[in-house]
Structures are given as C-alpha cells and as structure tokens.
Protein backbone atom coordinates (compact mmCIF):
# COMPACT_ATOMS: atom_id res chain seq x y z
CA MET A 1 58.14 34.83 107.57
CA SER A 2 55.43 37.35 108.24
CA ASP A 3 57.03 38.82 111.30
CA THR A 4 59.26 41.83 110.75
CA ILE A 5 61.90 43.21 112.97
CA ALA A 6 61.66 46.93 113.75
CA PRO A 7 64.75 48.92 112.83
CA PRO A 8 67.08 49.60 115.72
CA MET A 9 66.81 52.86 117.64
CA GLN A 10 63.21 53.33 116.53
CA GLU A 11 60.18 53.21 118.72
CA GLN A 12 56.62 52.71 117.56
CA GLU A 13 54.23 55.62 118.07
CA THR A 14 51.21 54.80 120.19
CA ASP A 15 48.01 56.74 120.59
CA GLY A 16 49.34 59.48 118.30
CA GLN A 17 52.18 60.31 120.65
CA LYS A 18 55.73 60.80 119.38
CA PRO A 19 58.43 58.68 120.93
CA SER A 20 60.22 60.44 123.73
CA TRP A 21 63.68 60.04 122.20
CA LYS A 22 62.70 62.22 119.21
CA ARG A 23 61.80 65.20 121.42
CA PRO A 24 63.91 65.18 124.58
CA GLN A 25 62.07 67.58 126.82
CA LEU A 26 64.83 67.47 129.39
CA PHE A 27 67.32 68.72 126.77
CA ASP A 28 64.98 71.60 125.85
CA LEU A 29 64.69 72.62 129.48
CA VAL A 30 68.44 72.52 129.95
CA SER A 31 68.98 74.61 126.80
CA LYS A 32 66.47 77.21 127.89
CA LYS A 33 68.01 77.31 131.34
CA ALA A 34 71.49 77.76 129.89
CA GLY A 35 70.28 80.55 127.59
CA SER A 36 68.55 82.27 130.48
CA ASP A 37 71.65 82.00 132.64
CA SER A 38 73.78 83.46 129.84
CA PHE A 39 71.44 86.44 129.52
CA LEU A 40 71.41 86.96 133.27
CA LYS A 41 75.21 86.85 133.36
CA ARG A 42 75.47 89.44 130.59
CA LEU A 43 72.92 91.61 132.37
CA ALA A 44 74.79 91.29 135.65
CA TRP A 45 78.09 92.24 134.01
CA ALA A 46 76.48 95.25 132.33
CA LEU A 47 74.87 96.45 135.55
CA GLY A 48 78.11 95.91 137.42
CA ALA A 49 80.07 97.90 134.84
CA TYR A 50 77.77 100.91 135.02
CA VAL A 51 77.57 100.75 138.81
CA GLY A 52 81.35 100.88 138.69
CA VAL A 53 81.05 103.98 136.50
CA LEU A 54 78.95 105.68 139.17
CA VAL A 55 81.36 104.62 141.91
CA ILE A 56 84.37 106.04 140.06
CA PHE A 57 82.46 109.22 139.26
CA GLY A 58 81.51 109.51 142.93
CA ILE A 59 85.15 109.19 143.95
CA VAL A 60 86.11 111.97 141.55
CA VAL A 61 83.36 114.18 142.96
CA GLU A 62 84.50 113.50 146.52
CA ILE A 63 88.07 114.39 145.59
CA LYS A 64 86.78 117.69 144.24
CA GLY A 65 85.21 118.41 147.63
CA ALA A 66 81.52 117.64 147.00
CA ASN A 67 79.24 114.95 148.37
CA ALA A 68 78.84 112.25 145.74
CA PHE A 69 75.32 111.21 146.78
CA SER A 70 74.11 114.81 146.79
CA VAL A 71 75.61 115.45 143.36
CA LEU A 72 74.07 112.32 141.85
CA SER A 73 70.72 113.12 143.44
CA THR A 74 70.85 116.64 142.03
CA MET A 75 71.74 115.39 138.57
CA ILE A 76 68.87 112.89 138.58
CA HIS A 77 66.46 115.52 139.85
CA GLU A 78 67.62 118.07 137.29
CA THR A 79 67.32 115.55 134.48
CA LEU A 80 64.17 113.57 135.18
CA LEU A 81 62.03 115.58 137.58
CA ARG A 82 62.07 119.06 136.08
CA SER A 83 60.13 119.72 132.90
CA ASP A 84 62.31 122.65 131.85
CA SER A 85 65.44 120.48 132.13
CA LEU A 86 63.81 117.76 130.03
CA GLN A 87 62.95 120.35 127.41
CA GLN A 88 66.49 121.73 127.44
CA ALA A 89 67.84 118.21 127.02
CA ALA A 90 65.54 117.66 124.03
CA LEU A 91 66.74 120.89 122.41
CA ARG A 92 70.37 120.04 122.99
CA ALA A 93 69.82 116.56 121.61
CA VAL A 94 68.80 117.95 118.20
CA PRO A 95 72.28 118.96 116.94
CA VAL A 96 73.97 116.16 118.89
CA THR A 97 71.72 113.51 117.34
CA LEU A 98 72.17 114.73 113.78
CA ALA A 99 75.93 115.10 114.22
CA ALA A 100 76.04 111.58 115.69
CA LEU A 101 74.18 110.22 112.66
CA ALA A 102 76.76 112.07 110.55
CA VAL A 103 79.32 109.80 112.18
CA ALA A 104 77.20 106.64 111.98
CA ILE A 105 76.55 106.70 108.22
CA PRO A 106 80.20 106.91 107.11
CA ALA A 107 81.06 104.32 109.77
CA ARG A 108 78.86 101.83 107.90
CA ALA A 109 81.22 102.25 104.95
CA GLY A 110 84.33 101.93 107.11
CA MET A 111 84.94 105.70 107.24
CA VAL A 112 85.77 107.72 110.36
CA ASN A 113 84.10 111.13 110.48
CA VAL A 114 85.44 113.24 113.34
CA GLY A 115 84.22 116.40 111.62
CA GLY A 116 80.74 116.72 113.07
CA GLU A 117 81.73 119.90 114.88
CA GLY A 118 82.87 121.66 111.73
CA GLN A 119 79.90 120.39 109.73
CA LEU A 120 77.53 121.74 112.38
CA ILE A 121 79.28 125.11 112.20
CA VAL A 122 79.22 125.48 108.40
CA GLY A 123 75.57 124.39 108.38
CA ALA A 124 74.75 127.16 110.85
CA VAL A 125 76.87 129.67 108.89
CA ALA A 126 75.13 128.89 105.59
CA ALA A 127 71.69 128.99 107.21
CA SER A 128 72.51 132.28 108.91
CA GLY A 129 73.71 133.87 105.69
CA ILE A 130 70.57 132.83 103.83
CA GLY A 131 68.28 133.72 106.73
CA VAL A 132 69.70 137.20 107.25
CA ALA A 133 69.54 137.84 103.51
CA LEU A 134 65.89 136.75 103.36
CA GLY A 135 64.86 138.74 106.42
CA GLY A 136 61.09 138.84 106.64
CA SER A 137 60.54 138.66 102.88
CA ALA A 138 59.85 134.90 102.84
CA PRO A 139 57.07 133.09 104.72
CA GLY A 140 58.27 130.91 107.56
CA PRO A 141 57.97 127.45 105.93
CA ILE A 142 59.67 128.60 102.73
CA GLY A 143 62.43 130.34 104.67
CA TRP A 144 62.97 127.27 106.86
CA ALA A 145 63.16 125.01 103.81
CA VAL A 146 65.70 127.27 102.05
CA MET A 147 67.81 127.56 105.21
CA LEU A 148 67.65 123.80 105.75
CA LEU A 149 68.80 123.13 102.18
CA ALA A 150 71.61 125.66 102.59
CA GLY A 151 72.75 124.02 105.83
CA ALA A 152 72.60 120.55 104.30
CA ALA A 153 74.53 121.66 101.22
CA ALA A 154 77.25 123.34 103.29
CA GLY A 155 77.63 120.35 105.62
CA GLY A 156 77.58 117.92 102.70
CA LEU A 157 80.28 119.92 100.93
CA TRP A 158 82.40 119.99 104.10
CA GLY A 159 82.13 116.24 104.53
CA GLY A 160 82.48 115.63 100.80
CA ILE A 161 85.83 117.43 100.67
CA CYS A 162 87.22 114.98 103.23
CA GLY A 163 85.61 112.05 101.42
CA TRP A 164 87.24 113.13 98.16
CA LEU A 165 90.61 113.53 99.87
CA ARG A 166 90.26 109.92 101.07
CA THR A 167 89.00 108.31 97.87
CA GLY A 168 90.94 110.47 95.42
CA MET A 169 94.21 111.14 97.22
CA GLY A 170 94.39 108.49 99.94
CA ALA A 171 94.35 111.00 102.82
CA ASN A 172 93.21 109.73 106.20
CA GLU A 173 89.67 111.02 106.70
CA ALA A 174 89.94 110.97 110.49
CA VAL A 175 92.73 113.55 110.25
CA THR A 176 91.18 115.68 107.53
CA THR A 177 87.75 115.86 109.17
CA LEU A 178 89.37 116.86 112.46
CA LEU A 179 91.38 119.62 110.78
CA MET A 180 88.31 120.86 108.91
CA ASN A 181 86.69 121.55 112.30
CA PHE A 182 89.25 124.26 113.00
CA ILE A 183 88.89 125.72 109.50
CA ALA A 184 85.12 125.94 109.91
CA ASN A 185 85.45 127.64 113.29
CA ASP A 186 87.99 130.14 111.92
CA LEU A 187 85.68 130.89 108.99
CA MET A 188 82.79 131.61 111.33
CA LEU A 189 84.93 133.79 113.60
CA TYR A 190 86.12 135.82 110.63
CA LEU A 191 82.54 136.42 109.52
CA ILE A 192 81.19 137.46 112.91
CA TYR A 193 84.18 139.66 113.68
CA GLN A 194 84.21 141.34 110.26
CA PRO A 195 81.60 141.35 107.46
CA TRP A 196 78.66 139.76 109.27
CA LYS A 197 79.12 141.45 112.63
CA ASP A 198 75.92 142.87 114.09
CA PRO A 199 76.34 146.68 114.28
CA HIS A 200 74.01 146.73 117.29
CA SER A 201 75.88 144.08 119.30
CA SER A 202 77.73 146.50 121.64
CA GLY A 203 81.06 145.19 120.42
CA GLN A 204 80.27 141.50 120.93
CA PRO A 205 81.32 139.17 118.09
CA GLU A 206 77.98 137.93 116.78
CA SER A 207 76.00 138.06 113.58
CA ARG A 208 72.72 139.82 113.04
CA PRO A 209 69.85 137.78 114.47
CA LEU A 210 67.34 135.96 112.32
CA HIS A 211 64.07 137.67 111.59
CA SER A 212 61.26 136.45 113.82
CA ALA A 213 59.51 134.93 110.77
CA LEU A 214 62.46 132.54 110.29
CA GLN A 215 62.76 131.42 113.90
CA LEU A 216 61.40 127.93 114.52
CA PRO A 217 58.16 128.13 116.50
CA ALA A 218 57.73 126.66 119.96
CA LEU A 219 55.30 123.76 120.35
CA PHE A 220 52.36 123.74 122.75
CA GLY A 221 53.65 126.70 124.72
CA SER A 222 56.82 124.88 125.76
CA GLN A 223 60.50 125.49 125.07
CA ILE A 224 60.55 122.62 122.58
CA ASN A 225 60.44 123.90 119.03
CA LEU A 226 59.76 122.47 115.61
CA GLY A 227 63.39 121.43 115.28
CA VAL A 228 62.83 118.51 117.66
CA ILE A 229 60.12 117.10 115.38
CA LEU A 230 62.24 117.64 112.27
CA ALA A 231 65.28 115.98 113.87
CA ALA A 232 63.22 112.96 114.93
CA THR A 233 61.83 112.68 111.39
CA VAL A 234 65.30 112.83 109.85
CA ALA A 235 66.55 110.18 112.28
CA LEU A 236 63.66 107.89 111.32
CA VAL A 237 64.42 108.36 107.62
CA VAL A 238 68.08 107.52 108.24
CA TRP A 239 67.12 104.35 110.11
CA VAL A 240 64.85 103.21 107.28
CA ALA A 241 67.51 104.01 104.67
CA MET A 242 70.23 102.16 106.54
CA LYS A 243 68.07 99.11 107.23
CA TYR A 244 65.99 98.67 104.10
CA SER A 245 67.54 100.54 101.16
CA GLY A 246 70.00 99.09 98.67
CA TRP A 247 72.34 101.99 99.40
CA GLY A 248 72.40 101.16 103.10
CA PHE A 249 73.10 97.50 102.33
CA ALA A 250 75.90 98.46 99.95
CA LEU A 251 77.49 100.65 102.62
CA ARG A 252 77.51 97.69 105.02
CA VAL A 253 79.14 95.49 102.39
CA VAL A 254 81.84 98.09 101.73
CA GLY A 255 82.44 98.57 105.44
CA GLY A 256 82.70 94.82 106.01
CA ASN A 257 85.09 93.99 103.17
CA PRO A 258 85.95 96.72 100.62
CA GLU A 259 87.92 94.35 98.40
CA ALA A 260 85.09 91.83 98.20
CA ALA A 261 82.67 94.69 97.47
CA ARG A 262 84.94 95.89 94.67
CA ARG A 263 85.12 92.42 93.15
CA ALA A 264 81.35 92.20 93.34
CA GLY A 265 81.11 95.27 91.14
CA LEU A 266 80.21 97.87 93.76
CA GLY A 267 81.59 101.38 93.36
CA VAL A 268 83.55 101.42 96.61
CA ASN A 269 84.96 104.93 96.26
CA ARG A 270 81.61 106.29 95.17
CA LEU A 271 79.87 104.74 98.17
CA MET A 272 82.52 106.02 100.59
CA LEU A 273 82.22 109.51 99.15
CA SER A 274 78.42 109.45 99.25
CA SER A 275 78.47 108.36 102.90
CA MET A 276 80.64 111.34 103.84
CA VAL A 277 78.44 113.74 101.86
CA ALA A 278 75.27 112.34 103.46
CA GLY A 279 76.79 112.46 106.93
CA GLY A 280 77.98 116.02 106.48
CA ALA A 281 74.55 117.06 105.20
CA LEU A 282 72.90 115.65 108.33
CA ALA A 283 75.27 117.59 110.57
CA GLY A 284 74.64 120.71 108.48
CA ILE A 285 70.91 120.29 109.09
CA GLY A 286 71.65 119.97 112.80
CA GLY A 287 73.56 123.26 112.70
CA MET A 288 70.64 124.96 110.95
CA LEU A 289 68.07 123.65 113.44
CA ASN A 290 70.22 124.71 116.38
CA LEU A 291 70.61 128.18 114.89
CA ALA A 292 66.96 128.72 113.94
CA GLY A 293 65.52 127.08 117.04
CA VAL A 294 67.85 128.04 119.89
CA GLU A 295 70.74 130.40 119.11
CA LEU A 296 69.06 132.67 116.52
CA GLN A 297 72.45 134.21 115.58
CA LEU A 298 76.06 133.16 115.10
CA ARG A 299 78.43 133.61 118.01
CA PRO A 300 81.65 131.98 119.23
CA ASP A 301 81.20 128.49 120.67
CA ILE A 302 77.76 128.20 119.08
CA THR A 303 78.09 124.41 118.94
CA ALA A 304 79.59 123.98 122.44
CA THR A 305 81.56 120.86 121.37
CA PHE A 306 78.35 119.14 120.25
CA GLY A 307 80.21 117.47 117.39
CA TYR A 308 82.74 115.77 119.65
CA ILE A 309 80.03 114.59 122.03
CA ALA A 310 78.14 113.27 119.00
CA PHE A 311 81.16 111.21 117.96
CA LEU A 312 81.14 109.50 121.36
CA ALA A 313 77.37 108.98 121.16
CA SER A 314 77.69 107.27 117.78
CA TRP A 315 80.47 105.06 119.09
CA LEU A 316 78.45 104.13 122.18
CA GLY A 317 75.45 103.30 120.00
CA ARG A 318 77.63 101.08 117.75
CA HIS A 319 76.63 103.31 114.80
CA ASP A 320 73.11 101.88 114.85
CA PRO A 321 70.74 104.83 114.14
CA LEU A 322 68.20 104.07 116.87
CA LYS A 323 70.86 103.37 119.49
CA VAL A 324 72.74 106.48 118.41
CA VAL A 325 69.63 108.58 119.02
CA GLY A 326 69.27 107.09 122.50
CA ALA A 327 72.92 107.74 123.34
CA SER A 328 72.63 111.32 122.07
CA VAL A 329 69.61 112.00 124.27
CA LEU A 330 71.40 110.44 127.26
CA PHE A 331 74.52 112.54 126.77
CA SER A 332 72.44 115.69 126.27
CA ALA A 333 70.52 115.03 129.48
CA ILE A 334 73.76 114.52 131.42
CA ALA A 335 75.15 117.77 130.04
CA VAL A 336 72.02 119.66 131.06
CA SER A 337 72.01 118.09 134.53
CA GLY A 338 75.51 119.38 135.15
CA ASP A 339 74.66 123.02 134.50
CA GLY A 340 73.79 123.70 138.12
CA LEU A 341 76.67 121.82 139.74
CA GLN A 342 78.96 124.84 139.73
CA LEU A 343 76.46 126.99 141.59
CA ASN A 344 75.41 124.31 144.06
CA TYR A 345 78.68 122.46 144.67
CA GLY A 346 81.45 124.55 143.14
CA LEU A 347 82.09 121.94 140.43
CA ASP A 348 83.01 123.08 136.94
CA GLY A 349 81.41 121.73 133.79
CA THR A 350 84.21 119.26 133.14
CA VAL A 351 82.89 116.93 135.82
CA THR A 352 80.09 115.82 133.51
CA ASP A 353 82.67 115.22 130.78
CA ILE A 354 84.32 112.74 133.15
CA LEU A 355 81.02 110.92 133.54
CA LEU A 356 80.53 110.83 129.77
CA GLY A 357 84.01 109.41 129.32
CA LEU A 358 83.38 106.69 131.89
CA ILE A 359 80.11 105.72 130.21
CA VAL A 360 81.92 105.38 126.88
CA VAL A 361 84.71 103.29 128.42
CA ALA A 362 82.33 100.83 130.14
CA PRO A 363 81.45 98.95 126.90
CA LEU A 364 85.17 98.40 126.32
CA PHE A 365 85.30 96.47 129.58
CA LEU A 366 82.22 94.47 128.65
CA SER A 367 83.59 93.64 125.18
CA LYS A 368 86.89 92.55 126.66
CA ARG A 369 85.12 90.35 129.15
CA ARG A 370 83.04 88.70 126.40
CA LEU A 371 86.14 88.05 124.33
CA VAL A 372 87.92 86.45 127.25
CA SER A 373 84.94 84.33 128.29
CA GLY A 374 84.28 83.36 124.67
CA GLY A 375 87.81 82.10 124.34
CA THR A 376 87.54 79.91 127.40
CA ARG A 377 84.43 78.05 126.44
C-alpha cells in the first residue's frame, strides 16, 4: 500500500508554519504573566517593608517630641538638595566603603571580620607616623603612595593576626577581630597622649598635623578630595578580583563548602588567611585616606564608629562589592543628614542609628517572607 499513516500526535506543517502544538503561545503568555506577577509581588513586599521602616522611624521621632514629617523632610533636603551635604556624604563614604569591603572579602571565604574599626585606626596611625616623619621632604604623590602602603600594611597585619588565630589556633575570628578594635584604639590613644602628642595642641590629645604637601588635594574647588577617586578605583578593582579572578572564585568555593574545597586540593587555611589580610589592608587604606583627606591628624574618635557602620553596610549589600558600595554611600548620607537634627529638633545623633538599624532589619523580614512563601508553593 502506498498510503502511509502519519504518526500520532504529529501535525503536518503547511506553508512553512510550525504546528501550533509545538509552540503554545498561550502557555508563553501565561508564563510571562506569572513571572511579571512574581516580580511585582516582590517589589510590593520590598516597598512595603521600607515604608514600614519609615513609619516606625516616624513613631520614634514623635515619641522624642519632634514632628516626623518635618524631620524626614529635613533629612531628605540635607541629603539630596544641598551640594555641601552631598560632598560630606561622599567624604564619609570613603572609609566606610573600604571598611565594608574589608568585611565583604573575608565573608566570601566564610570568615566574619568585625574588626574594620580597628583596621581603620591602625591604618591611620601608620600613615600618620610615616607622614609626620616625611614632613615636606617628599613630593605629594610619593608621600601619598608611601602613606598608603603603610596604611595597607598595618591594616593587613591587624587582619592577618586574627586570620592566623583562626587558621592556626582555631580561635573565633568574630571575637578576635572585635577585641582587636579596642587594642587598636588604646594604641592610638597612648600615642597621641604621650610620644606623638602635638606640643602646640593646647593640651588636646592629638598628633602633629600632616604637612600640607601630604594632604590630599581637593578636586575642582569642592570639598571632595582625591581620596574619593582612589576609593572608587579600589572598589572597582575589588569587584573585578572577586568576579573574574581565580582567587575570588576560590574564596567562594571555600565559603560555600570548606571540606569540599579541601578535598579538591585548595589551600583552605591559606585562602582564609589571605582574605583577612586583604580585607584588613583595604580598611587600612580607608584609614589613610580619611586621615590625609579629612582629619589631617590623629585624635580620639577619628573613625567615629565607621567600622561598625561598614559591617552593617556589607551585610545589607550581601557582601557583593557593588551593592556594598551602594549601602555604604546610603548609610553615609543618612549619617550626614542627621547632623542638623539636634540643632533643629533637639534630637541626638542616635536617632539616625535607629534608622540604620531598621534598614538593616528590613531584609530579614523580606527573607523570612520568601522562605515562608517558597515553602507553601
């Protein structure tokens, strides 16, 4: 027989058109609609969470005796609509960003670095010692480079000590890095009260100021100095290293499963230690840039808890370098916006800390909600 029977469930193509059952357009539309709805739901939950943050913050402000709408309006105005506030936020973001990256890199290897504050301090101390010793004898670029290397070396050593205590002795690095913050601060206080105290400081505990040749220059007649450009460059290098280098990939493997990394032949302890050294070096650079660009001399509270704020920024940014930079800038802008609240509304500086805490807690709510909804599908 010449006639053949077409296989079941198969349609003949006519005029070059594919059979409709092979490409169900209705299914595609439904899938796209479902994906769009899922995105919109996530967006709605995120917006709702952060609106809730503002509501709770407003309640706290009202309890303290100020008008919540006026306070929020002032903070927005101080942050976004005044050029000097934007410049101050950029300057503050320099040490915060580098200290946050000092948290993010070890986090890739499963390490917890709470020592950004101390690493900022020792970086500033080392840079100050070198800078005061150099005076005006070295040209600016050479002096900046030597101070930067000194700050990086001091911060790397400070982080490396804690990394060695973890890999060599099994000590918890979260505890050791936290304790090293207090040691660094005590070291700086000893120096500025005793051997490094400025004889012309009228009794104030501070070191001799840097020579003008070693102070980072302002850019385009603004308050922003060269440190902002250097910090942005360092952050870009860190992002490239974490995303594209073999070292960055190895850190992710170690952080994901140390035992599997060890069986694959990776030097787990070496990678953990190197992550702490690299993180500490970044924070040390941040301390140097803050000293040479803003403070110009050592004094008590030179870091103003930047290291602890940086830890929160890294956590909020999920230790992703670009997101960490964004969170650091956000937190710095909020801190700057709160400077005038005491004068205008009688609110102390801790009110902005409450807002920062609420912003950090909001992702916890969103993660919990995703886990619950994921389990019900």
